[in-house]
C-alpha cells in the first residue's frame, strides 16, 4: 500500500519540473497522503518487528528503499508526461514498444553478469548467485504451466503499460497514479483472505486501514474526484477554472450594461 506514495512524488515533481500550480485542495491532499503513508508505514514497522526473524531496522530500511523506488518511478512518469506532451502525434503504444525493446537489451547484458556474482543470502538468492537462469529453466521443466503464465504476462503487461501511457498522454501522470493506487487495496484484501502455503501473508491492522483510507482520500482530493464545497476548496478545481474562463469569454462580448448584470448574476 505504500506504493500509493508515488502520487506524492509525482505531484512534487510536476510542481518543480512541469511548473504545475498548486491550490488549496492540492496542498491539503498532499498532507493527507503524507499522513496516510505514515500510518501505513508505522503499521508495517510494528507488524514486521513482531516477527522473530525481522528487526525494526529491517522494516524501516525496507520502507525507505520502497519510497526511493517510488521516487524513481515518479521521475519516470514525469519524463513520460513531458515527452508525450511535447510530441502530440507520438503513439503511446509505440512508446511502450520502444521502452520494452530497450528493457530486453538491458537484461540481455545484465543477466549473464548477475549469473556469476556470488550471493550468500539463501532467502534472496537461489543457487549461490544473484540470478540463476539455469535454475529458472529447471523450474519451468518441473511445472510446464509456468510457460502459460509467462506467456500471459508477456502479452498483458505491454498492453497494460501502453494503456497507462495513454492515460498519461491524454490526462496526466497524477491521473495514472490514481488509477494504479486502486489495485493496492485489492492486493491487500486478497492476501488477507487467501492463504499462501497455508498461511495468510497479511493480517488486518486498524492502523493500515485508517492510513490507507486517508491516503486514498488524499489521492482522490488531489485529482478532484472528491471536491469539498467548503472553505474555498472548490474554487480552483479544473471545472471551476473552466467555468470562470467561459464566463470571462462571454463577458468580453457583452455591452457594459449587460456585462454588469451578468457579473452580478454569477
Protein backbone atom coordinates (compact mmCIF):
# COMPACT_ATOMS: atom_id res chain seq x y z
CA UNK A 1 0.00 0.00 0.00
CA UNK A 2 2.99 2.29 0.44
CA UNK A 3 3.29 2.21 -3.35
CA UNK A 4 0.48 4.79 -3.38
CA UNK A 5 3.09 7.28 -2.13
CA UNK A 6 4.09 7.66 -5.77
CA UNK A 7 1.27 10.20 -6.16
CA UNK A 8 3.08 12.46 -3.65
CA UNK A 9 6.37 12.35 -5.54
CA UNK A 10 4.60 12.73 -8.87
CA UNK A 11 2.84 15.87 -7.61
CA UNK A 12 6.05 17.39 -6.25
CA UNK A 13 7.99 16.69 -9.43
CA UNK A 14 5.14 18.09 -11.56
CA UNK A 15 5.31 21.28 -9.49
CA UNK A 16 9.11 21.53 -9.79
CA UNK A 17 9.68 20.48 -13.39
CA UNK A 18 6.35 20.90 -15.22
CA UNK A 19 5.51 24.17 -13.42
CA UNK A 20 2.10 22.97 -12.29
CA UNK A 21 0.13 25.27 -9.99
CA UNK A 22 -0.87 24.04 -6.53
CA UNK A 23 -4.09 25.24 -4.95
CA UNK A 24 -5.60 24.75 -1.51
CA UNK A 25 -7.14 21.38 -2.24
CA UNK A 26 -3.86 20.11 -3.71
CA UNK A 27 -1.86 21.05 -0.62
CA UNK A 28 -4.48 19.55 1.70
CA UNK A 29 -4.46 16.36 -0.35
CA UNK A 30 -0.66 16.08 -0.10
CA UNK A 31 -0.86 16.49 3.69
CA UNK A 32 -3.43 13.67 3.81
CA UNK A 33 -1.20 11.48 1.63
CA UNK A 34 1.79 12.04 3.92
CA UNK A 35 -0.34 11.21 6.99
CA UNK A 36 -1.67 8.07 5.31
CA UNK A 37 1.83 6.96 4.32
CA UNK A 38 3.00 7.48 7.91
CA UNK A 39 0.20 5.34 9.35
CA UNK A 40 0.71 2.55 6.81
CA UNK A 41 4.47 2.67 7.34
CA UNK A 42 4.07 2.65 11.13
CA UNK A 43 1.83 -0.40 10.86
CA UNK A 44 4.43 -2.13 8.68
CA UNK A 45 7.20 -1.44 11.19
CA UNK A 46 5.10 -2.68 14.14
CA UNK A 47 3.90 -5.82 12.35
CA UNK A 48 7.36 -6.54 10.97
CA UNK A 49 9.05 -6.18 14.36
CA UNK A 50 6.61 -8.70 15.86
CA UNK A 51 8.09 -11.44 13.66
CA UNK A 52 11.01 -13.27 15.22
CA UNK A 53 13.18 -13.08 12.12
CA UNK A 54 12.54 -9.39 11.41
CA UNK A 55 14.01 -6.45 13.29
CA UNK A 56 12.60 -2.93 13.41
CA UNK A 57 15.53 -1.60 11.39
CA UNK A 58 14.92 -4.22 8.70
CA UNK A 59 11.35 -2.98 8.32
CA UNK A 60 12.46 0.66 8.35
CA UNK A 61 15.10 0.06 5.69
CA UNK A 62 12.56 -1.83 3.60
CA UNK A 63 10.18 1.15 3.73
CA UNK A 64 12.97 3.62 2.92
CA UNK A 65 14.10 1.58 -0.10
CA UNK A 66 10.49 1.24 -1.27
CA UNK A 67 9.97 5.02 -1.06
CA UNK A 68 13.19 5.62 -3.00
CA UNK A 69 11.83 3.27 -5.65
CA UNK A 70 8.61 5.26 -5.79
CA UNK A 71 10.63 8.45 -6.29
CA UNK A 72 12.39 6.81 -9.22
CA UNK A 73 9.05 5.67 -10.64
CA UNK A 74 7.58 9.15 -10.28
CA UNK A 75 10.59 10.57 -12.13
CA UNK A 76 9.88 8.19 -14.99
CA UNK A 77 6.20 9.20 -15.06
CA UNK A 78 7.06 12.90 -15.23
CA UNK A 79 9.56 12.30 -18.04
CA UNK A 80 6.93 10.34 -19.95
CA UNK A 81 4.33 13.07 -19.45
CA UNK A 82 6.79 15.73 -20.62
CA UNK A 83 7.80 13.65 -23.64
CA UNK A 84 4.23 12.75 -24.64
CA UNK A 85 3.14 16.36 -24.11
CA UNK A 86 5.87 17.75 -26.35
CA UNK A 87 5.10 15.31 -29.17
CA UNK A 88 1.33 15.27 -29.73
CA UNK A 89 1.50 12.73 -32.55
CA UNK A 90 3.58 10.20 -30.62
CA UNK A 91 1.65 6.96 -30.12
CA UNK A 92 1.69 5.62 -26.51
CA UNK A 93 1.67 2.04 -27.84
CA UNK A 94 4.78 2.79 -29.91
CA UNK A 95 6.46 4.29 -26.85
CA UNK A 96 5.62 1.17 -24.82
CA UNK A 97 7.17 -0.98 -27.54
CA UNK A 98 10.35 1.12 -27.68
CA UNK A 99 10.76 1.02 -23.89
CA UNK A 100 10.17 -2.74 -23.95
CA UNK A 101 12.88 -3.24 -26.58
CA UNK A 102 15.35 -1.26 -24.51
CA UNK A 103 14.45 -3.34 -21.44
CA UNK A 104 15.21 -6.53 -23.38
CA UNK A 105 18.58 -5.13 -24.48
CA UNK A 106 19.47 -4.12 -20.90
CA UNK A 107 18.58 -7.52 -19.45
CA UNK A 108 20.42 -9.41 -22.19
CA UNK A 109 23.52 -7.55 -20.97
CA UNK A 110 22.80 -7.77 -17.23
CA UNK A 111 21.63 -11.38 -16.87
CA UNK A 112 24.97 -13.03 -17.77
CA UNK A 113 26.72 -10.70 -15.32
CA UNK A 114 24.27 -11.34 -12.48
CA UNK A 115 24.57 -15.09 -13.03
CA UNK A 116 28.25 -15.02 -11.99
CA UNK A 117 28.05 -12.65 -8.99
CA UNK A 118 28.09 -14.73 -5.76
CA UNK A 119 25.35 -14.26 -3.18
CA UNK A 120 25.27 -15.99 0.22
CA UNK A 121 21.75 -14.90 1.25
CA UNK A 122 19.66 -18.03 0.61
CA UNK A 123 16.39 -16.20 1.20
CA UNK A 124 17.26 -13.68 -1.52
CA UNK A 125 19.38 -15.69 -3.94
CA UNK A 126 18.94 -19.22 -5.23
CA UNK A 127 21.90 -21.33 -6.30
CA UNK A 128 24.53 -19.09 -4.71
CA UNK A 129 24.30 -16.28 -7.27
CA UNK A 130 22.21 -13.12 -7.62
CA UNK A 131 20.48 -14.64 -10.66
CA UNK A 132 20.13 -18.30 -11.56
CA UNK A 133 18.73 -18.53 -15.08
CA UNK A 134 19.51 -22.25 -15.36
CA UNK A 135 17.58 -22.90 -12.14
CA UNK A 136 14.66 -20.92 -13.51
CA UNK A 137 14.58 -23.07 -16.65
CA UNK A 138 14.68 -26.19 -14.48
CA UNK A 139 11.66 -24.90 -12.54
CA UNK A 140 9.84 -24.39 -15.84
CA UNK A 141 10.61 -28.02 -16.69
CA UNK A 142 9.13 -29.20 -13.39
CA UNK A 143 5.98 -27.15 -13.85
CA UNK A 144 5.19 -26.54 -17.56
CA UNK A 145 2.14 -24.45 -16.59
CA UNK A 146 4.62 -21.67 -15.79
CA UNK A 147 5.13 -21.26 -19.54
CA UNK A 148 1.44 -20.33 -19.87
CA UNK A 149 1.59 -17.78 -17.04
CA UNK A 150 4.77 -16.25 -18.50
CA UNK A 151 3.17 -16.04 -21.95
CA UNK A 152 0.15 -14.26 -20.46
CA UNK A 153 2.43 -11.81 -18.67
CA UNK A 154 4.35 -11.12 -21.89
CA UNK A 155 1.06 -10.39 -23.69
CA UNK A 156 -0.82 -8.49 -21.00
CA UNK A 157 1.94 -6.34 -19.49
CA UNK A 158 2.73 -4.37 -22.69
CA UNK A 159 -0.99 -3.76 -23.22
CA UNK A 160 -1.37 -2.59 -19.61
CA UNK A 161 1.68 -0.35 -19.89
CA UNK A 162 0.52 1.16 -23.18
CA UNK A 163 -2.87 1.93 -21.65
CA UNK A 164 -1.11 3.58 -18.70
CA UNK A 165 0.91 5.73 -21.12
CA UNK A 166 -2.33 6.69 -22.87
CA UNK A 167 -3.71 7.93 -19.53
CA UNK A 168 -0.51 9.95 -19.05
CA UNK A 169 -0.76 11.45 -22.55
CA UNK A 170 -4.45 12.36 -22.55
CA UNK A 171 -4.75 13.01 -18.80
CA UNK A 172 -1.70 13.35 -16.58
CA UNK A 173 0.82 11.32 -14.63
CA UNK A 174 -1.19 12.07 -11.48
CA UNK A 175 -4.31 10.56 -13.05
CA UNK A 176 -2.31 7.46 -13.90
CA UNK A 177 -1.03 7.04 -10.34
CA UNK A 178 -4.57 7.49 -9.01
CA UNK A 179 -5.81 4.52 -11.03
CA UNK A 180 -2.80 2.42 -10.08
CA UNK A 181 -3.35 3.09 -6.37
CA UNK A 182 -6.71 1.30 -6.56
CA UNK A 183 -5.06 -2.07 -7.18
CA UNK A 184 -3.13 -1.89 -3.92
CA UNK A 185 -6.23 -2.23 -1.76
CA UNK A 186 -7.35 -5.21 -3.90
CA UNK A 187 -3.99 -6.90 -3.31
CA UNK A 188 -4.23 -6.18 0.43
CA UNK A 189 -7.72 -7.70 0.69
CA UNK A 190 -6.69 -10.72 -1.40
CA UNK A 191 -3.71 -11.63 0.78
CA UNK A 192 -5.77 -11.13 3.94
CA UNK A 193 -8.38 -13.52 2.60
CA UNK A 194 -6.43 -16.16 0.65
CA UNK A 195 -3.75 -18.27 2.42
CA UNK A 196 -0.39 -18.78 0.70
CA UNK A 197 1.24 -22.11 1.60
CA UNK A 198 -1.31 -22.50 4.38
CA UNK A 199 -0.60 -19.09 5.93
CA UNK A 200 -2.17 -15.66 5.44
CA UNK A 201 0.53 -13.22 4.47
CA UNK A 202 -1.40 -10.12 5.56
CA UNK A 203 -3.13 -9.60 8.88
CA UNK A 204 -5.79 -6.97 9.43
CA UNK A 205 -4.45 -3.79 11.00
CA UNK A 206 -6.55 -0.81 12.08
CA UNK A 207 -3.56 1.50 11.50
CA UNK A 208 -3.17 0.15 7.99
CA UNK A 209 -6.87 0.51 7.21
CA UNK A 210 -7.07 4.07 8.56
CA UNK A 211 -3.84 5.02 6.82
CA UNK A 212 -4.99 3.66 3.50
CA UNK A 213 -8.39 5.38 3.76
CA UNK A 214 -6.68 8.71 4.49
CA UNK A 215 -4.17 8.09 1.70
CA UNK A 216 -6.92 7.32 -0.83
CA UNK A 217 -8.87 10.39 0.32
CA UNK A 218 -5.78 12.50 -0.39
CA UNK A 219 -5.32 10.89 -3.80
CA UNK A 220 -8.96 11.46 -4.75
CA UNK A 221 -8.92 15.04 -3.42
CA UNK A 222 -5.75 15.86 -5.33
CA UNK A 223 -7.23 14.57 -8.60
CA UNK A 224 -10.59 16.28 -7.88
CA UNK A 225 -12.53 13.04 -7.84
CA UNK A 226 -13.68 14.30 -4.44
CA UNK A 227 -14.46 18.04 -4.28
CA UNK A 228 -15.11 19.66 -0.91
CA UNK A 229 -17.64 22.52 -1.25
CA UNK A 230 -16.31 24.33 1.84
CA UNK A 231 -13.57 26.82 2.74
CA UNK A 232 -12.83 27.56 -0.91
CA UNK A 233 -11.65 24.02 -1.72
CA UNK A 234 -13.92 24.01 -4.79
CA UNK A 235 -12.82 27.43 -6.09
CA UNK A 236 -9.78 26.40 -8.11
CA UNK A 237 -10.70 22.98 -9.40
CA UNK A 238 -10.35 22.41 -13.14
CA UNK A 239 -14.13 22.62 -13.56
CA UNK A 240 -14.38 25.90 -11.61
CA UNK A 241 -11.49 27.46 -13.54
CA UNK A 242 -13.07 26.41 -16.85
CA UNK A 243 -16.41 27.92 -15.78
CA UNK A 244 -14.73 31.25 -14.93
CA UNK A 245 -12.89 31.28 -18.25
CA UNK A 246 -16.14 30.70 -20.13
CA UNK A 247 -17.79 33.45 -18.12
CA UNK A 248 -14.96 35.88 -18.84
CA UNK A 249 -15.03 34.96 -22.52
CA UNK A 250 -18.77 35.61 -22.73
CA UNK A 251 -18.34 38.81 -20.72
CA UNK A 252 -15.93 40.27 -23.27
CA UNK A 253 -18.64 40.32 -25.96
CA UNK A 254 -21.37 41.93 -23.84
CA UNK A 255 -22.33 45.62 -23.70
CA UNK A 256 -21.41 47.36 -20.46
CA UNK A 257 -24.96 47.28 -19.04
CA UNK A 258 -25.43 43.56 -19.76
CA UNK A 259 -21.89 42.83 -18.51
CA UNK A 260 -22.65 44.38 -15.12
CA UNK A 261 -25.90 42.41 -14.80
CA UNK A 262 -24.19 39.18 -15.86
CA UNK A 263 -21.35 39.73 -13.38
CA UNK A 264 -23.85 40.23 -10.56
CA UNK A 265 -25.65 37.02 -11.60
CA UNK A 266 -22.57 34.80 -11.47
